[in-house]
């Protein structure tokens, strides 16, 4: 599947897509150097032929995805985030 991220009003740099095999952990990094203080970071996934699906959002710190499916980690300076699935 492919992953996409959107940050309101912020310039985002990320790999356009990544692929992995089932049961293999993958971490996707995203840089958002111009993020504003109160901007949330939202991660979505988009499966082939389908619309984007919300996965997780956070302002800072670390947040577990539902059902232990992964974890979002926001850097201390909020200029990057990483989603491990």
Protein backbone atom coordinates (compact mmCIF):
# COMPACT_ATOMS: atom_id res chain seq x y z
CA UNK A 1 0.00 0.00 0.00
CA UNK A 2 1.09 3.60 -0.28
CA UNK A 3 1.13 6.22 2.46
CA UNK A 4 0.48 9.93 2.25
CA UNK A 5 0.67 12.73 4.79
CA UNK A 6 -0.83 16.20 4.84
CA UNK A 7 -0.01 19.11 7.13
CA UNK A 8 -2.17 22.22 6.86
CA UNK A 9 -0.30 25.20 5.36
CA UNK A 10 3.04 23.43 5.77
CA UNK A 11 5.50 22.34 3.12
CA UNK A 12 5.90 18.57 3.34
CA UNK A 13 8.71 16.35 2.03
CA UNK A 14 8.15 12.62 1.92
CA UNK A 15 8.65 9.61 -0.31
CA UNK A 16 5.66 9.47 -2.69
CA UNK A 17 5.09 5.79 -1.94
CA UNK A 18 6.68 2.79 -0.25
CA UNK A 19 6.07 -0.92 -0.56
CA UNK A 20 6.68 -3.77 1.84
CA UNK A 21 5.66 -7.36 2.33
CA UNK A 22 3.13 -8.52 4.90
CA UNK A 23 4.49 -8.99 8.45
CA UNK A 24 7.47 -6.70 7.79
CA UNK A 25 7.72 -3.48 9.84
CA UNK A 26 8.11 -0.34 7.75
CA UNK A 27 8.86 3.19 8.97
CA UNK A 28 7.93 6.16 6.81
CA UNK A 29 9.59 9.49 7.54
CA UNK A 30 8.18 12.89 6.71
CA UNK A 31 9.80 16.31 6.97
CA UNK A 32 7.60 19.37 7.62
CA UNK A 33 10.09 22.12 8.55
CA UNK A 34 7.64 25.02 8.30
CA UNK A 35 4.98 23.56 10.60
CA UNK A 36 3.20 26.07 12.83
CA UNK A 37 2.96 25.68 16.62
CA UNK A 38 -0.63 24.41 16.74
CA UNK A 39 -0.76 22.49 13.44
CA UNK A 40 -1.71 18.85 13.84
CA UNK A 41 0.09 16.18 11.84
CA UNK A 42 -2.31 13.83 10.08
CA UNK A 43 -1.35 10.57 8.40
CA UNK A 44 -3.52 8.80 5.81
CA UNK A 45 -3.14 5.70 3.71
CA UNK A 46 -4.47 5.17 0.23
CA UNK A 47 -4.92 1.67 -1.09
CA UNK A 48 -4.94 1.16 -4.87
CA UNK A 49 -8.23 2.24 -6.41
CA UNK A 50 -9.56 3.71 -3.15
CA UNK A 51 -9.78 7.10 -1.49
CA UNK A 52 -7.53 8.25 1.37
CA UNK A 53 -8.22 6.67 4.79
CA UNK A 54 -7.33 8.51 8.02
CA UNK A 55 -4.86 6.60 10.21
CA UNK A 56 -3.68 8.87 13.02
CA UNK A 57 -3.13 12.48 13.99
CA UNK A 58 -1.02 14.12 16.68
CA UNK A 59 0.24 17.48 17.79
CA UNK A 60 3.43 16.18 19.44
CA UNK A 61 4.99 13.13 21.07
CA UNK A 62 4.09 9.55 20.28
CA UNK A 63 0.71 8.05 19.50
CA UNK A 64 -0.30 4.42 19.06
CA UNK A 65 -2.55 3.50 16.15
CA UNK A 66 -5.79 1.66 16.92
CA UNK A 67 -5.46 -2.08 17.52
CA UNK A 68 -1.68 -1.79 17.94
CA UNK A 69 -1.27 -1.47 14.17
CA UNK A 70 1.66 0.93 14.48
CA UNK A 71 2.96 4.11 16.08
CA UNK A 72 3.34 7.74 15.06
CA UNK A 73 6.36 9.57 16.51
CA UNK A 74 6.63 13.36 16.22
CA UNK A 75 10.10 14.81 16.77
CA UNK A 76 10.67 17.14 19.74
CA UNK A 77 11.00 20.17 17.44
CA UNK A 78 7.91 19.00 15.42
CA UNK A 79 9.81 19.42 12.14
CA UNK A 80 9.52 15.74 11.27
CA UNK A 81 7.40 12.71 12.00
CA UNK A 82 7.73 8.98 11.48
CA UNK A 83 5.01 6.37 11.12
CA UNK A 84 6.00 2.77 11.82
CA UNK A 85 3.59 0.05 10.78
